C-alpha atoms as a PDB file:
ATOM      1  CA  UNK A   1       8.920 -36.806 -30.236  1.00  0.00           C
ATOM      2  CA  UNK A   2       5.602 -36.924 -31.973  1.00  0.00           C
ATOM      3  CA  UNK A   3       2.045 -37.909 -31.396  1.00  0.00           C
ATOM      4  CA  UNK A   4      -0.279 -39.202 -33.535  1.00  0.00           C
ATOM      5  CA  UNK A   5      -3.348 -36.491 -34.337  1.00  0.00           C
ATOM      6  CA  UNK A   6      -6.005 -38.966 -34.593  1.00  0.00           C
ATOM      7  CA  UNK A   7      -5.346 -41.712 -31.746  1.00  0.00           C
ATOM      8  CA  UNK A   8      -2.537 -39.779 -29.598  1.00  0.00           C
ATOM      9  CA  UNK A   9      -0.143 -43.029 -30.092  1.00  0.00           C
ATOM     10  CA  UNK A  10       3.248 -42.297 -29.762  1.00  0.00           C
ATOM     11  CA  UNK A  11       4.977 -42.065 -33.121  1.00  0.00           C
ATOM     12  CA  UNK A  12       8.442 -42.873 -34.451  1.00  0.00           C
ATOM     13  CA  UNK A  13      11.173 -40.417 -35.979  1.00  0.00           C
ATOM     14  CA  UNK A  14      10.732 -41.490 -38.859  1.00  0.00           C
ATOM     15  CA  UNK A  15       7.359 -42.874 -39.390  1.00  0.00           C
ATOM     16  CA  UNK A  16       4.771 -41.482 -42.533  1.00  0.00           C
ATOM     17  CA  UNK A  17       1.949 -42.922 -40.658  1.00  0.00           C
ATOM     18  CA  UNK A  18       0.575 -43.778 -37.729  1.00  0.00           C
ATOM     19  CA  UNK A  19       1.224 -47.108 -37.526  1.00  0.00           C
ATOM     20  CA  UNK A  20      -2.552 -48.029 -35.391  1.00  0.00           C
ATOM     21  CA  UNK A  21      -4.976 -45.952 -37.506  1.00  0.00           C
ATOM     22  CA  UNK A  22      -2.987 -45.280 -40.323  1.00  0.00           C
ATOM     23  CA  UNK A  23      -3.447 -41.020 -39.874  1.00  0.00           C
ATOM     24  CA  UNK A  24      -0.346 -39.457 -41.865  1.00  0.00           C
ATOM     25  CA  UNK A  25       2.395 -38.068 -39.810  1.00  0.00           C
ATOM     26  CA  UNK A  26       1.982 -34.445 -39.769  1.00  0.00           C
ATOM     27  CA  UNK A  27       5.479 -32.810 -39.351  1.00  0.00           C
ATOM     28  CA  UNK A  28       5.564 -28.923 -39.628  1.00  0.00           C
ATOM     29  CA  UNK A  29       8.505 -27.603 -41.795  1.00  0.00           C
ATOM     30  CA  UNK A  30      11.223 -26.231 -40.027  1.00  0.00           C
ATOM     31  CA  UNK A  31      10.546 -22.533 -41.359  1.00  0.00           C
ATOM     32  CA  UNK A  32       7.225 -22.866 -40.517  1.00  0.00           C
ATOM     33  CA  UNK A  33       5.621 -19.796 -38.507  1.00  0.00           C
ATOM     34  CA  UNK A  34       4.443 -21.149 -35.159  1.00  0.00           C
ATOM     35  CA  UNK A  35       0.764 -21.968 -33.852  1.00  0.00           C
ATOM     36  CA  UNK A  36       0.964 -19.581 -30.916  1.00  0.00           C
ATOM     37  CA  UNK A  37       2.997 -16.843 -30.172  1.00  0.00           C
ATOM     38  CA  UNK A  38       6.274 -17.334 -28.433  1.00  0.00           C
ATOM     39  CA  UNK A  39       6.311 -13.514 -26.938  1.00  0.00           C
ATOM     40  CA  UNK A  40       3.264 -12.596 -24.716  1.00  0.00           C
ATOM     41  CA  UNK A  41       1.385  -9.534 -25.938  1.00  0.00           C
ATOM     42  CA  UNK A  42       2.631  -6.228 -24.054  1.00  0.00           C
ATOM     43  CA  UNK A  43      -0.240  -3.688 -23.670  1.00  0.00           C
ATOM     44  CA  UNK A  44       1.054   0.095 -23.189  1.00  0.00           C
ATOM     45  CA  UNK A  45       0.303   1.383 -20.057  1.00  0.00           C
ATOM     46  CA  UNK A  46      -1.616   4.267 -20.092  1.00  0.00           C
ATOM     47  CA  UNK A  47      -0.096   7.811 -19.503  1.00  0.00           C
ATOM     48  CA  UNK A  48       0.214   9.379 -15.965  1.00  0.00           C
ATOM     49  CA  UNK A  49      -2.319  12.244 -16.531  1.00  0.00           C
ATOM     50  CA  UNK A  50      -4.918  10.398 -18.693  1.00  0.00           C
ATOM     51  CA  UNK A  51      -4.539   7.880 -15.890  1.00  0.00           C
ATOM     52  CA  UNK A  52      -4.865  11.555 -12.924  1.00  0.00           C
ATOM     53  CA  UNK A  53      -7.468  12.537 -15.536  1.00  0.00           C
ATOM     54  CA  UNK A  54      -9.869   9.389 -15.444  1.00  0.00           C
ATOM     55  CA  UNK A  55      -9.678   9.079 -11.539  1.00  0.00           C
ATOM     56  CA  UNK A  56      -9.967  13.017 -10.857  1.00  0.00           C
ATOM     57  CA  UNK A  57     -13.461  12.408 -12.623  1.00  0.00           C
ATOM     58  CA  UNK A  58     -14.372   9.646 -11.060  1.00  0.00           C
ATOM     59  CA  UNK A  59     -13.848  11.405  -7.791  1.00  0.00           C
ATOM     60  CA  UNK A  60     -15.436  14.687  -8.929  1.00  0.00           C
ATOM     61  CA  UNK A  61     -18.817  12.645  -9.960  1.00  0.00           C
ATOM     62  CA  UNK A  62     -18.725  10.679  -6.755  1.00  0.00           C
ATOM     63  CA  UNK A  63     -18.682  14.186  -4.779  1.00  0.00           C
ATOM     64  CA  UNK A  64     -21.329  15.987  -6.708  1.00  0.00           C
ATOM     65  CA  UNK A  65     -23.751  12.994  -6.571  1.00  0.00           C
ATOM     66  CA  UNK A  66     -23.600  12.657  -3.142  1.00  0.00           C
ATOM     67  CA  UNK A  67     -23.624  15.871  -2.129  1.00  0.00           C
ATOM     68  CA  UNK A  68     -26.429  16.678  -4.626  1.00  0.00           C
ATOM     69  CA  UNK A  69     -28.696  14.004  -2.925  1.00  0.00           C
ATOM     70  CA  UNK A  70     -27.314  15.263   0.436  1.00  0.00           C
ATOM     71  CA  UNK A  71     -28.765  18.808  -0.302  1.00  0.00           C
ATOM     72  CA  UNK A  72     -32.395  16.928  -2.018  1.00  0.00           C
ATOM     73  CA  UNK A  73     -33.145  14.139   0.313  1.00  0.00           C
ATOM     74  CA  UNK A  74     -31.507  14.770   3.665  1.00  0.00           C
ATOM     75  CA  UNK A  75     -30.557  18.532   4.580  1.00  0.00           C
ATOM     76  CA  UNK A  76     -30.400  18.336   7.517  1.00  0.00           C
ATOM     77  CA  UNK A  77     -27.826  15.826   8.172  1.00  0.00           C
ATOM     78  CA  UNK A  78     -24.380  16.891   6.318  1.00  0.00           C
ATOM     79  CA  UNK A  79     -23.449  12.641   5.707  1.00  0.00           C
ATOM     80  CA  UNK A  80     -21.592  13.875   2.176  1.00  0.00           C
ATOM     81  CA  UNK A  81     -19.142  15.510   3.925  1.00  0.00           C
ATOM     82  CA  UNK A  82     -18.023  12.055   4.795  1.00  0.00           C
ATOM     83  CA  UNK A  83     -18.023  11.361   0.756  1.00  0.00           C
ATOM     84  CA  UNK A  84     -16.105  14.318   0.099  1.00  0.00           C
ATOM     85  CA  UNK A  85     -13.608  14.012   2.892  1.00  0.00           C
ATOM     86  CA  UNK A  86     -12.808  10.394   1.485  1.00  0.00           C
ATOM     87  CA  UNK A  87     -12.854  11.177  -2.041  1.00  0.00           C
ATOM     88  CA  UNK A  88      -9.719  14.145  -1.187  1.00  0.00           C
ATOM     89  CA  UNK A  89      -8.073  11.737   0.813  1.00  0.00           C
ATOM     90  CA  UNK A  90      -8.086   9.535  -2.447  1.00  0.00           C
ATOM     91  CA  UNK A  91      -6.884  12.508  -4.972  1.00  0.00           C
ATOM     92  CA  UNK A  92      -4.127  13.267  -2.592  1.00  0.00           C
ATOM     93  CA  UNK A  93      -3.077   9.904  -2.052  1.00  0.00           C
ATOM     94  CA  UNK A  94      -3.801   8.696  -5.474  1.00  0.00           C
ATOM     95  CA  UNK A  95      -3.900  11.480  -8.528  1.00  0.00           C
ATOM     96  CA  UNK A  96      -1.319  13.639  -7.029  1.00  0.00           C
ATOM     97  CA  UNK A  97       1.691  11.534  -7.076  1.00  0.00           C
ATOM     98  CA  UNK A  98       0.482  10.874 -10.966  1.00  0.00           C
ATOM     99  CA  UNK A  99       0.523  14.353 -11.171  1.00  0.00           C
ATOM    100  CA  UNK A 100       3.449  15.218  -9.614  1.00  0.00           C
ATOM    101  CA  UNK A 101       6.636  13.801  -8.771  1.00  0.00           C
ATOM    102  CA  UNK A 102       6.939  14.484  -4.984  1.00  0.00           C
ATOM    103  CA  UNK A 103      10.355  13.434  -2.945  1.00  0.00           C
ATOM    104  CA  UNK A 104       8.926  10.774  -0.680  1.00  0.00           C
ATOM    105  CA  UNK A 105       9.289  12.583   2.873  1.00  0.00           C
ATOM    106  CA  UNK A 106       6.688  15.145   0.965  1.00  0.00           C
ATOM    107  CA  UNK A 107       4.717  13.033  -0.057  1.00  0.00           C
ATOM    108  CA  UNK A 108       4.059  10.537   3.192  1.00  0.00           C
ATOM    109  CA  UNK A 109       3.398  13.738   4.562  1.00  0.00           C
ATOM    110  CA  UNK A 110       0.838  14.532   2.370  1.00  0.00           C
ATOM    111  CA  UNK A 111      -0.815  11.053   2.590  1.00  0.00           C
ATOM    112  CA  UNK A 112      -1.149  12.078   6.606  1.00  0.00           C
ATOM    113  CA  UNK A 113      -2.578  15.383   5.843  1.00  0.00           C
ATOM    114  CA  UNK A 114      -5.123  13.548   3.826  1.00  0.00           C
ATOM    115  CA  UNK A 115      -6.240  11.454   6.737  1.00  0.00           C
ATOM    116  CA  UNK A 116      -6.168  15.111   8.865  1.00  0.00           C
ATOM    117  CA  UNK A 117      -8.670  16.891   6.393  1.00  0.00           C
ATOM    118  CA  UNK A 118     -10.820  13.787   6.493  1.00  0.00           C
ATOM    119  CA  UNK A 119     -10.919  13.696  10.503  1.00  0.00           C
ATOM    120  CA  UNK A 120     -11.623  17.302  10.342  1.00  0.00           C
ATOM    121  CA  UNK A 121     -14.559  16.818   8.240  1.00  0.00           C
ATOM    122  CA  UNK A 122     -15.715  14.154   9.951  1.00  0.00           C
ATOM    123  CA  UNK A 123     -15.582  16.533  12.938  1.00  0.00           C
ATOM    124  CA  UNK A 124     -17.576  19.352  11.462  1.00  0.00           C
ATOM    125  CA  UNK A 125     -19.999  17.098  10.587  1.00  0.00           C
ATOM    126  CA  UNK A 126     -20.689  15.400  14.104  1.00  0.00           C
ATOM    127  CA  UNK A 127     -20.313  18.875  15.308  1.00  0.00           C
ATOM    128  CA  UNK A 128     -16.269  17.731  17.268  1.00  0.00           C
ATOM    129  CA  UNK A 129     -14.470  20.444  16.548  1.00  0.00           C
ATOM    130  CA  UNK A 130     -13.187  20.286  20.410  1.00  0.00           C
ATOM    131  CA  UNK A 131     -11.891  17.068  20.023  1.00  0.00           C
ATOM    132  CA  UNK A 132     -10.339  17.486  16.627  1.00  0.00           C
ATOM    133  CA  UNK A 133      -8.172  20.536  17.849  1.00  0.00           C
ATOM    134  CA  UNK A 134      -7.630  19.163  21.489  1.00  0.00           C
ATOM    135  CA  UNK A 135      -6.996  15.276  20.081  1.00  0.00           C
ATOM    136  CA  UNK A 136      -6.894  14.558  16.630  1.00  0.00           C
ATOM    137  CA  UNK A 137      -4.699  17.718  15.897  1.00  0.00           C
ATOM    138  CA  UNK A 138      -1.726  16.706  17.880  1.00  0.00           C
ATOM    139  CA  UNK A 139      -2.053  13.108  16.670  1.00  0.00           C
ATOM    140  CA  UNK A 140      -2.053  13.470  13.506  1.00  0.00           C
ATOM    141  CA  UNK A 141       0.717  15.980  13.562  1.00  0.00           C
ATOM    142  CA  UNK A 142       2.858  13.588  15.888  1.00  0.00           C
ATOM    143  CA  UNK A 143       2.294  10.921  12.670  1.00  0.00           C
ATOM    144  CA  UNK A 144       3.237  13.381  10.455  1.00  0.00           C
ATOM    145  CA  UNK A 145       6.859  14.044  12.309  1.00  0.00           C
ATOM    146  CA  UNK A 146       7.328  10.026  12.590  1.00  0.00           C
ATOM    147  CA  UNK A 147       6.833   9.196   9.221  1.00  0.00           C
ATOM    148  CA  UNK A 148       9.073  12.402   7.842  1.00  0.00           C
ATOM    149  CA  UNK A 149      11.653  10.898   9.735  1.00  0.00           C
ATOM    150  CA  UNK A 150      11.391   7.034   9.403  1.00  0.00           C
ATOM    151  CA  UNK A 151      11.360   8.329   5.280  1.00  0.00           C
ATOM    152  CA  UNK A 152      14.637  10.593   5.923  1.00  0.00           C
ATOM    153  CA  UNK A 153      16.148   7.664   8.057  1.00  0.00           C
ATOM    154  CA  UNK A 154      15.009   5.071   5.114  1.00  0.00           C
ATOM    155  CA  UNK A 155      15.942   7.423   1.718  1.00  0.00           C
ATOM    156  CA  UNK A 156      18.125   6.075  -0.566  1.00  0.00           C
ATOM    157  CA  UNK A 157      16.908   2.576  -0.424  1.00  0.00           C
ATOM    158  CA  UNK A 158      19.954   0.303   0.872  1.00  0.00           C
ATOM    159  CA  UNK A 159      18.929  -0.267   4.041  1.00  0.00           C
ATOM    160  CA  UNK A 160      18.555  -3.780   4.953  1.00  0.00           C
ATOM    161  CA  UNK A 161      14.935  -5.292   5.626  1.00  0.00           C
ATOM    162  CA  UNK A 162      16.250  -5.717   9.406  1.00  0.00           C
ATOM    163  CA  UNK A 163      17.000  -1.966   9.660  1.00  0.00           C
ATOM    164  CA  UNK A 164      13.480  -0.936   8.283  1.00  0.00           C
ATOM    165  CA  UNK A 165      12.016  -3.071  10.537  1.00  0.00           C
ATOM    166  CA  UNK A 166      13.729  -2.269  13.525  1.00  0.00           C
ATOM    167  CA  UNK A 167      12.982   1.564  12.391  1.00  0.00           C
ATOM    168  CA  UNK A 168       9.547   1.011  12.078  1.00  0.00           C
ATOM    169  CA  UNK A 169       8.828  -0.895  15.287  1.00  0.00           C
ATOM    170  CA  UNK A 170      10.679   2.073  17.413  1.00  0.00           C
ATOM    171  CA  UNK A 171       8.554   4.528  15.447  1.00  0.00           C
ATOM    172  CA  UNK A 172       5.429   2.874  16.639  1.00  0.00           C
ATOM    173  CA  UNK A 173       6.424   2.440  20.163  1.00  0.00           C
ATOM    174  CA  UNK A 174       7.102   6.455  19.786  1.00  0.00           C
ATOM    175  CA  UNK A 175       3.776   6.700  18.071  1.00  0.00           C
ATOM    176  CA  UNK A 176       1.701   4.672  20.913  1.00  0.00           C
ATOM    177  CA  UNK A 177       3.339   6.557  23.869  1.00  0.00           C
ATOM    178  CA  UNK A 178       2.573  10.153  22.317  1.00  0.00           C
ATOM    179  CA  UNK A 179      -1.099   8.721  21.647  1.00  0.00           C
ATOM    180  CA  UNK A 180      -1.538   7.776  25.280  1.00  0.00           C
ATOM    181  CA  UNK A 181      -0.185  11.367  26.374  1.00  0.00           C
ATOM    182  CA  UNK A 182      -2.200  13.321  24.059  1.00  0.00           C
ATOM    183  CA  UNK A 183      -5.118  11.421  25.290  1.00  0.00           C
ATOM    184  CA  UNK A 184      -4.579  12.045  29.025  1.00  0.00           C
ATOM    185  CA  UNK A 185      -4.106  15.133  28.319  1.00  0.00           C
ATOM    186  CA  UNK A 186      -7.510  16.058  26.580  1.00  0.00           C
ATOM    187  CA  UNK A 187      -9.358  13.633  28.922  1.00  0.00           C
ATOM    188  CA  UNK A 188      -7.232  14.377  32.821  1.00  0.00           C
ATOM    189  CA  UNK A 189      -5.493  17.793  32.175  1.00  0.00           C
ATOM    190  CA  UNK A 190      -2.534  15.362  33.366  1.00  0.00           C
ATOM    191  CA  UNK A 191      -0.236  12.196  31.950  1.00  0.00           C
ATOM    192  CA  UNK A 192      -0.150   9.114  33.540  1.00  0.00           C
ATOM    193  CA  UNK A 193       1.847   6.712  31.899  1.00  0.00           C
ATOM    194  CA  UNK A 194       0.442   3.134  31.286  1.00  0.00           C
ATOM    195  CA  UNK A 195      -0.324   0.746  28.875  1.00  0.00           C
ATOM    196  CA  UNK A 196       2.090   3.080  26.470  1.00  0.00           C
ATOM    197  CA  UNK A 197       4.667   2.271  28.784  1.00  0.00           C
ATOM    198  CA  UNK A 198       4.143  -1.874  28.413  1.00  0.00           C
ATOM    199  CA  UNK A 199       3.859  -1.886  24.459  1.00  0.00           C
ATOM    200  CA  UNK A 200       6.814   0.594  24.326  1.00  0.00           C
ATOM    201  CA  UNK A 201       8.830  -2.248  26.304  1.00  0.00           C
ATOM    202  CA  UNK A 202       7.613  -4.555  24.002  1.00  0.00           C
ATOM    203  CA  UNK A 203       9.032  -2.615  21.146  1.00  0.00           C
ATOM    204  CA  UNK A 204      12.100  -2.667  22.629  1.00  0.00           C
ATOM    205  CA  UNK A 205      12.583  -6.012  23.281  1.00  0.00           C
ATOM    206  CA  UNK A 206      11.814  -6.664  19.978  1.00  0.00           C
ATOM    207  CA  UNK A 207      14.382  -4.224  18.395  1.00  0.00           C
ATOM    208  CA  UNK A 208      17.435  -5.752  20.236  1.00  0.00           C
ATOM    209  CA  UNK A 209      16.875  -8.895  19.179  1.00  0.00           C
ATOM    210  CA  UNK A 210      16.713  -7.458  15.690  1.00  0.00           C
ATOM    211  CA  UNK A 211      20.240  -5.778  15.953  1.00  0.00           C
ATOM    212  CA  UNK A 212      21.886  -7.864  17.076  1.00  0.00           C
ATOM    213  CA  UNK A 213      20.855 -10.324  14.097  1.00  0.00           C
ATOM    214  CA  UNK A 214      21.910  -7.318  12.139  1.00  0.00           C
ATOM    215  CA  UNK A 215      25.205  -6.827  13.774  1.00  0.00           C
ATOM    216  CA  UNK A 216      26.110 -10.635  14.083  1.00  0.00           C
ATOM    217  CA  UNK A 217      26.766 -12.042  10.414  1.00  0.00           C
ATOM    218  CA  UNK A 218      26.376 -15.843  11.680  1.00  0.00           C
ATOM    219  CA  UNK A 219      23.185 -14.995  12.589  1.00  0.00           C
ATOM    220  CA  UNK A 220      21.878 -13.016   9.986  1.00  0.00           C
ATOM    221  CA  UNK A 221      23.029 -16.127   7.728  1.00  0.00           C
ATOM    222  CA  UNK A 222      21.197 -18.205   9.873  1.00  0.00           C
ATOM    223  CA  UNK A 223      17.780 -15.951   9.309  1.00  0.00           C
ATOM    224  CA  UNK A 224      17.943 -15.369   5.640  1.00  0.00           C
ATOM    225  CA  UNK A 225      18.591 -19.075   5.500  1.00  0.00           C
ATOM    226  CA  UNK A 226      15.200 -20.128   7.634  1.00  0.00           C
ATOM    227  CA  UNK A 227      12.928 -16.945   6.826  1.00  0.00           C
ATOM    228  CA  UNK A 228      14.447 -16.344   3.148  1.00  0.00           C
ATOM    229  CA  UNK A 229      14.701 -12.736   4.724  1.00  0.00           C
END
């Protein structure tokens, strides 16, 4: 099916001219090159080390500029530590994976350590070394252990989404229990479980039906059909 290039009327396959305006019908040759490319252009990605160098230079320039501004204009308040900590955290999160091929448990553990470094720098700027050692470090250590164990349990990539969701909810419940434990120990010297038991009970209540669905093929098929899961 073709159309007139002048008035847009539909032309018969064998028409030499438009019956309405008389414009010659344009019929491309069979071997003529197409006007538009048939394949999308592909741009080669930048090498990993080049991207790491660019990101490192950007983060380093931000750190240097903020450090100089802090020393010159507001030397009595170390606000640049917040920027330096964020830059270190972003370096560990995004630059190291480009330079080194680390196993997933080690990479996730380094991500948590990066958060710990950031919190430590914040504690230095506000004079909070006591709460960092007594509260922040234990919580960060618990997060690191849970992330490491979760990555070990899920390694291989052959687990269903229901299994991943169940393990993630269980890890969240354990984390909340640990957070309340460390907060109570730091603030009162004794553990008085309260809200963390409620949240952990909710996590257990979510895990049980997920495991049932995972074990019963009919329920699993129904969930996949309804939620594309």
